[in-house]
Amino acid sequence: MPERRAIAIRRKRLSMTSLIDVIFLLLLFFMLSSTFARQGELPLDLAMGGADSVPETPPLFLQLLPDALRLNSVDATVEDLQAALDDPEGGLVLIAMADGVEAQGLADILHLVQRRNGWRIGVIGAGGS
Protein backbone atom coordinates (compact mmCIF):
# COMPACT_ATOMS: atom_id res chain seq x y z
CA MET A 1 0.00 0.00 0.00
CA PRO A 2 1.26 3.32 -0.87
CA GLU A 3 2.15 5.51 1.97
CA ARG A 4 0.06 8.47 2.55
CA ARG A 5 1.99 11.56 2.86
CA ALA A 6 1.09 13.76 5.64
CA ILE A 7 -0.53 16.77 4.15
CA ALA A 8 0.11 19.75 6.23
CA ILE A 9 -2.98 21.86 6.52
CA ARG A 10 -1.95 25.41 6.31
CA ARG A 11 -4.40 28.00 7.49
CA LYS A 12 -4.63 31.27 5.70
CA ARG A 13 -4.74 34.42 7.70
CA LEU A 14 -8.07 36.14 7.42
CA SER A 15 -7.70 39.53 5.77
CA MET A 16 -9.77 42.29 7.34
CA THR A 17 -9.04 44.83 4.60
CA SER A 18 -11.99 43.92 2.40
CA LEU A 19 -14.36 43.83 5.37
CA ILE A 20 -13.26 47.29 6.47
CA ASP A 21 -13.74 48.59 2.91
CA VAL A 22 -17.29 47.23 2.77
CA ILE A 23 -18.17 48.70 6.15
CA PHE A 24 -16.75 52.08 5.12
CA LEU A 25 -18.77 52.08 1.88
CA LEU A 26 -21.97 51.17 3.73
CA LEU A 27 -21.36 53.91 6.27
CA LEU A 28 -20.72 56.42 3.51
CA PHE A 29 -23.85 55.35 1.63
CA PHE A 30 -26.13 55.69 4.65
CA MET A 31 -24.64 59.02 5.67
CA LEU A 32 -25.15 60.52 2.22
CA SER A 33 -28.61 59.09 1.65
CA SER A 34 -30.10 60.07 5.01
CA THR A 35 -31.84 63.35 5.74
CA PHE A 36 -30.40 65.49 8.44
CA ALA A 37 -32.37 67.51 10.98
CA ARG A 38 -32.88 71.04 9.82
CA GLN A 39 -32.60 72.93 13.07
CA GLY A 40 -32.29 76.66 12.82
CA GLU A 41 -33.43 76.75 9.23
CA LEU A 42 -34.45 80.22 8.08
CA PRO A 43 -37.21 80.50 5.46
CA LEU A 44 -36.39 82.86 2.58
CA ASP A 45 -38.19 84.10 -0.50
CA LEU A 46 -36.04 84.68 -3.52
CA ALA A 47 -37.07 88.06 -4.90
CA MET A 48 -37.20 87.03 -8.53
CA GLY A 49 -40.21 89.00 -9.69
CA GLY A 50 -43.48 87.69 -11.07
CA ALA A 51 -45.43 88.23 -7.85
CA ASP A 52 -49.03 87.05 -7.87
CA SER A 53 -50.39 90.18 -6.25
CA VAL A 54 -49.14 93.68 -5.57
CA PRO A 55 -48.77 94.33 -1.83
CA GLU A 56 -50.66 97.26 -0.35
CA THR A 57 -47.69 98.50 1.64
CA PRO A 58 -44.40 99.24 -0.08
CA PRO A 59 -41.59 96.85 0.85
CA LEU A 60 -38.82 97.85 3.20
CA PHE A 61 -35.48 97.89 1.40
CA LEU A 62 -32.67 96.95 3.76
CA GLN A 63 -29.04 97.12 2.69
CA LEU A 64 -26.55 95.22 4.84
CA LEU A 65 -23.11 96.80 4.77
CA PRO A 66 -20.07 95.36 6.56
CA ASP A 67 -20.35 97.92 9.37
CA ALA A 68 -23.76 99.57 8.93
CA LEU A 69 -27.39 99.24 7.89
CA ARG A 70 -29.33 101.31 5.39
CA LEU A 71 -33.12 101.25 5.52
CA ASN A 72 -34.80 102.65 2.40
CA SER A 73 -31.48 104.25 1.36
CA VAL A 74 -31.07 106.07 4.69
CA ASP A 75 -28.46 105.16 7.31
CA ALA A 76 -30.21 103.30 10.12
CA THR A 77 -29.64 101.32 13.30
CA VAL A 78 -31.16 98.07 14.49
CA GLU A 79 -33.59 100.12 16.61
CA ASP A 80 -34.75 101.97 13.47
CA LEU A 81 -35.37 98.62 11.79
CA GLN A 82 -37.34 97.37 14.80
CA ALA A 83 -39.47 100.53 14.74
CA ALA A 84 -40.17 100.04 11.03
CA LEU A 85 -41.20 96.43 11.71
CA ASP A 86 -43.78 97.51 14.31
CA ASP A 87 -46.42 97.87 11.57
CA PRO A 88 -49.06 95.27 12.53
CA GLU A 89 -50.04 94.65 8.89
CA GLY A 90 -46.58 93.38 8.01
CA GLY A 91 -45.24 93.31 4.50
CA LEU A 92 -42.06 92.43 2.69
CA VAL A 93 -38.47 93.15 3.68
CA LEU A 94 -36.06 93.07 0.76
CA ILE A 95 -32.50 92.46 1.94
CA ALA A 96 -29.46 93.25 -0.18
CA MET A 97 -25.98 92.34 1.06
CA ALA A 98 -22.86 94.27 0.15
CA ASP A 99 -19.50 92.58 -0.30
CA GLY A 100 -17.79 91.77 3.00
CA VAL A 101 -20.96 91.16 5.03
CA GLU A 102 -20.58 88.16 7.31
CA ALA A 103 -23.17 85.41 7.39
CA GLN A 104 -23.79 86.02 11.09
CA GLY A 105 -24.91 89.59 10.33
CA LEU A 106 -27.46 88.29 7.82
CA ALA A 107 -28.65 85.61 10.25
CA ASP A 108 -29.17 88.22 13.01
CA ILE A 109 -31.32 90.35 10.71
CA LEU A 110 -33.28 87.32 9.49
CA HIS A 111 -34.05 86.28 13.07
CA LEU A 112 -35.09 89.85 13.94
CA VAL A 113 -37.55 90.02 11.03
CA GLN A 114 -38.76 86.45 11.50
CA ARG A 115 -39.89 87.18 15.07
CA ARG A 116 -42.35 89.78 13.79
CA ASN A 117 -45.70 88.47 12.59
CA GLY A 118 -46.80 89.27 9.07
CA TRP A 119 -43.40 90.09 7.65
CA ARG A 120 -41.90 88.11 4.79
CA ILE A 121 -38.22 88.18 3.80
CA GLY A 122 -36.77 88.43 0.33
CA VAL A 123 -33.07 88.34 -0.44
CA ILE A 124 -31.90 90.08 -3.58
CA GLY A 125 -28.51 90.65 -5.21
CA ALA A 126 -25.74 92.92 -3.99
CA GLY A 127 -26.93 96.25 -2.67
CA GLY A 128 -23.72 98.17 -3.16
CA SER A 129 -22.51 100.72 -0.65
C-alpha atoms as a PDB file:
ATOM      1  CA  MET A   1       0.000   0.000   0.000  1.00  0.00           C
ATOM      2  CA  PRO A   2       1.263   3.319  -0.871  1.00  0.00           C
ATOM      3  CA  GLU A   3       2.145   5.513   1.975  1.00  0.00           C
ATOM      4  CA  ARG A   4       0.060   8.467   2.555  1.00  0.00           C
ATOM      5  CA  ARG A   5       1.994  11.556   2.861  1.00  0.00           C
ATOM      6  CA  ALA A   6       1.086  13.761   5.644  1.00  0.00           C
ATOM      7  CA  ILE A   7      -0.526  16.769   4.147  1.00  0.00           C
ATOM      8  CA  ALA A   8       0.109  19.753   6.234  1.00  0.00           C
ATOM      9  CA  ILE A   9      -2.981  21.860   6.520  1.00  0.00           C
ATOM     10  CA  ARG A  10      -1.949  25.410   6.314  1.00  0.00           C
ATOM     11  CA  ARG A  11      -4.400  28.002   7.492  1.00  0.00           C
ATOM     12  CA  LYS A  12      -4.628  31.270   5.704  1.00  0.00           C
ATOM     13  CA  ARG A  13      -4.739  34.422   7.703  1.00  0.00           C
ATOM     14  CA  LEU A  14      -8.074  36.138   7.417  1.00  0.00           C
ATOM     15  CA  SER A  15      -7.701  39.531   5.766  1.00  0.00           C
ATOM     16  CA  MET A  16      -9.771  42.290   7.337  1.00  0.00           C
ATOM     17  CA  THR A  17      -9.041  44.828   4.604  1.00  0.00           C
ATOM     18  CA  SER A  18     -11.986  43.919   2.395  1.00  0.00           C
ATOM     19  CA  LEU A  19     -14.358  43.826   5.371  1.00  0.00           C
ATOM     20  CA  ILE A  20     -13.262  47.294   6.470  1.00  0.00           C
ATOM     21  CA  ASP A  21     -13.744  48.589   2.912  1.00  0.00           C
ATOM     22  CA  VAL A  22     -17.286  47.229   2.766  1.00  0.00           C
ATOM     23  CA  ILE A  23     -18.175  48.702   6.147  1.00  0.00           C
ATOM     24  CA  PHE A  24     -16.755  52.078   5.124  1.00  0.00           C
ATOM     25  CA  LEU A  25     -18.766  52.079   1.882  1.00  0.00           C
ATOM     26  CA  LEU A  26     -21.971  51.173   3.725  1.00  0.00           C
ATOM     27  CA  LEU A  27     -21.365  53.906   6.272  1.00  0.00           C
ATOM     28  CA  LEU A  28     -20.723  56.422   3.508  1.00  0.00           C
ATOM     29  CA  PHE A  29     -23.853  55.347   1.634  1.00  0.00           C
ATOM     30  CA  PHE A  30     -26.134  55.690   4.648  1.00  0.00           C
ATOM     31  CA  MET A  31     -24.636  59.021   5.674  1.00  0.00           C
ATOM     32  CA  LEU A  32     -25.150  60.519   2.225  1.00  0.00           C
ATOM     33  CA  SER A  33     -28.607  59.091   1.654  1.00  0.00           C
ATOM     34  CA  SER A  34     -30.104  60.072   5.007  1.00  0.00           C
ATOM     35  CA  THR A  35     -31.839  63.350   5.739  1.00  0.00           C
ATOM     36  CA  PHE A  36     -30.401  65.486   8.443  1.00  0.00           C
ATOM     37  CA  ALA A  37     -32.367  67.505  10.984  1.00  0.00           C
ATOM     38  CA  ARG A  38     -32.882  71.040   9.822  1.00  0.00           C
ATOM     39  CA  GLN A  39     -32.596  72.925  13.070  1.00  0.00           C
ATOM     40  CA  GLY A  40     -32.288  76.655  12.824  1.00  0.00           C
ATOM     41  CA  GLU A  41     -33.428  76.751   9.234  1.00  0.00           C
ATOM     42  CA  LEU A  42     -34.452  80.222   8.075  1.00  0.00           C
ATOM     43  CA  PRO A  43     -37.211  80.501   5.455  1.00  0.00           C
ATOM     44  CA  LEU A  44     -36.393  82.860   2.578  1.00  0.00           C
ATOM     45  CA  ASP A  45     -38.191  84.101  -0.501  1.00  0.00           C
ATOM     46  CA  LEU A  46     -36.039  84.683  -3.525  1.00  0.00           C
ATOM     47  CA  ALA A  47     -37.074  88.059  -4.895  1.00  0.00           C
ATOM     48  CA  MET A  48     -37.201  87.026  -8.526  1.00  0.00           C
ATOM     49  CA  GLY A  49     -40.212  89.001  -9.695  1.00  0.00           C
ATOM     50  CA  GLY A  50     -43.480  87.693 -11.071  1.00  0.00           C
ATOM     51  CA  ALA A  51     -45.432  88.233  -7.851  1.00  0.00           C
ATOM     52  CA  ASP A  52     -49.031  87.048  -7.870  1.00  0.00           C
ATOM     53  CA  SER A  53     -50.392  90.184  -6.249  1.00  0.00           C
ATOM     54  CA  VAL A  54     -49.141  93.677  -5.574  1.00  0.00           C
ATOM     55  CA  PRO A  55     -48.765  94.330  -1.831  1.00  0.00           C
ATOM     56  CA  GLU A  56     -50.663  97.263  -0.350  1.00  0.00           C
ATOM     57  CA  THR A  57     -47.691  98.504   1.640  1.00  0.00           C
ATOM     58  CA  PRO A  58     -44.399  99.237  -0.081  1.00  0.00           C
ATOM     59  CA  PRO A  59     -41.593  96.853   0.845  1.00  0.00           C
ATOM     60  CA  LEU A  60     -38.818  97.850   3.202  1.00  0.00           C
ATOM     61  CA  PHE A  61     -35.481  97.891   1.396  1.00  0.00           C
ATOM     62  CA  LEU A  62     -32.668  96.951   3.762  1.00  0.00           C
ATOM     63  CA  GLN A  63     -29.043  97.117   2.695  1.00  0.00           C
ATOM     64  CA  LEU A  64     -26.546  95.217   4.838  1.00  0.00           C
ATOM     65  CA  LEU A  65     -23.115  96.803   4.773  1.00  0.00           C
ATOM     66  CA  PRO A  66     -20.072  95.363   6.558  1.00  0.00           C
ATOM     67  CA  ASP A  67     -20.350  97.917   9.372  1.00  0.00           C
ATOM     68  CA  ALA A  68     -23.760  99.572   8.935  1.00  0.00           C
ATOM     69  CA  LEU A  69     -27.394  99.240   7.893  1.00  0.00           C
ATOM     70  CA  ARG A  70     -29.330 101.313   5.394  1.00  0.00           C
ATOM     71  CA  LEU A  71     -33.120 101.249   5.518  1.00  0.00           C
ATOM     72  CA  ASN A  72     -34.803 102.648   2.398  1.00  0.00           C
ATOM     73  CA  SER A  73     -31.478 104.252   1.361  1.00  0.00           C
ATOM     74  CA  VAL A  74     -31.073 106.071   4.692  1.00  0.00           C
ATOM     75  CA  ASP A  75     -28.461 105.157   7.311  1.00  0.00           C
ATOM     76  CA  ALA A  76     -30.209 103.299  10.121  1.00  0.00           C
ATOM     77  CA  THR A  77     -29.639 101.324  13.296  1.00  0.00           C
ATOM     78  CA  VAL A  78     -31.161  98.069  14.490  1.00  0.00           C
ATOM     79  CA  GLU A  79     -33.587 100.123  16.612  1.00  0.00           C
ATOM     80  CA  ASP A  80     -34.749 101.970  13.473  1.00  0.00           C
ATOM     81  CA  LEU A  81     -35.369  98.617  11.794  1.00  0.00           C
ATOM     82  CA  GLN A  82     -37.335  97.374  14.799  1.00  0.00           C
ATOM     83  CA  ALA A  83     -39.465 100.534  14.738  1.00  0.00           C
ATOM     84  CA  ALA A  84     -40.168 100.037  11.029  1.00  0.00           C
ATOM     85  CA  LEU A  85     -41.197  96.430  11.711  1.00  0.00           C
ATOM     86  CA  ASP A  86     -43.780  97.511  14.311  1.00  0.00           C
ATOM     87  CA  ASP A  87     -46.417  97.866  11.574  1.00  0.00           C
ATOM     88  CA  PRO A  88     -49.065  95.273  12.531  1.00  0.00           C
ATOM     89  CA  GLU A  89     -50.041  94.648   8.886  1.00  0.00           C
ATOM     90  CA  GLY A  90     -46.584  93.381   8.010  1.00  0.00           C
ATOM     91  CA  GLY A  91     -45.240  93.313   4.499  1.00  0.00           C
ATOM     92  CA  LEU A  92     -42.063  92.428   2.686  1.00  0.00           C
ATOM     93  CA  VAL A  93     -38.472  93.155   3.679  1.00  0.00           C
ATOM     94  CA  LEU A  94     -36.059  93.072   0.757  1.00  0.00           C
ATOM     95  CA  ILE A  95     -32.503  92.461   1.944  1.00  0.00           C
ATOM     96  CA  ALA A  96     -29.455  93.246  -0.183  1.00  0.00           C
ATOM     97  CA  MET A  97     -25.984  92.343   1.059  1.00  0.00           C
ATOM     98  CA  ALA A  98     -22.857  94.275   0.153  1.00  0.00           C
ATOM     99  CA  ASP A  99     -19.496  92.582  -0.299  1.00  0.00           C
ATOM    100  CA  GLY A 100     -17.791  91.774   2.996  1.00  0.00           C
ATOM    101  CA  VAL A 101     -20.958  91.161   5.033  1.00  0.00           C
ATOM    102  CA  GLU A 102     -20.583  88.163   7.310  1.00  0.00           C
ATOM    103  CA  ALA A 103     -23.171  85.408   7.385  1.00  0.00           C
ATOM    104  CA  GLN A 104     -23.793  86.025  11.085  1.00  0.00           C
ATOM    105  CA  GLY A 105     -24.911  89.587  10.332  1.00  0.00           C
ATOM    106  CA  LEU A 106     -27.461  88.290   7.824  1.00  0.00           C
ATOM    107  CA  ALA A 107     -28.647  85.607  10.254  1.00  0.00           C
ATOM    108  CA  ASP A 108     -29.169  88.219  13.007  1.00  0.00           C
ATOM    109  CA  ILE A 109     -31.322  90.353  10.706  1.00  0.00           C
ATOM    110  CA  LEU A 110     -33.281  87.322   9.492  1.00  0.00           C
ATOM    111  CA  HIS A 111     -34.052  86.283  13.075  1.00  0.00           C
ATOM    112  CA  LEU A 112     -35.095  89.848  13.939  1.00  0.00           C
ATOM    113  CA  VAL A 113     -37.552  90.019  11.032  1.00  0.00           C
ATOM    114  CA  GLN A 114     -38.760  86.447  11.500  1.00  0.00           C
ATOM    115  CA  ARG A 115     -39.886  87.182  15.074  1.00  0.00           C
ATOM    116  CA  ARG A 116     -42.346  89.783  13.787  1.00  0.00           C
ATOM    117  CA  ASN A 117     -45.705  88.475  12.592  1.00  0.00           C
ATOM    118  CA  GLY A 118     -46.803  89.267   9.071  1.00  0.00           C
ATOM    119  CA  TRP A 119     -43.395  90.088   7.646  1.00  0.00           C
ATOM    120  CA  ARG A 120     -41.895  88.115   4.786  1.00  0.00           C
ATOM    121  CA  ILE A 121     -38.224  88.177   3.804  1.00  0.00           C
ATOM    122  CA  GLY A 122     -36.774  88.435   0.331  1.00  0.00           C
ATOM    123  CA  VAL A 123     -33.073  88.336  -0.436  1.00  0.00           C
ATOM    124  CA  ILE A 124     -31.895  90.079  -3.585  1.00  0.00           C
ATOM    125  CA  GLY A 125     -28.506  90.650  -5.211  1.00  0.00           C
ATOM    126  CA  ALA A 126     -25.742  92.917  -3.988  1.00  0.00           C
ATOM    127  CA  GLY A 127     -26.928  96.249  -2.667  1.00  0.00           C
ATOM    128  CA  GLY A 128     -23.716  98.172  -3.158  1.00  0.00           C
ATOM    129  CA  SER A 129     -22.513 100.724  -0.654  1.00  0.00           C
END
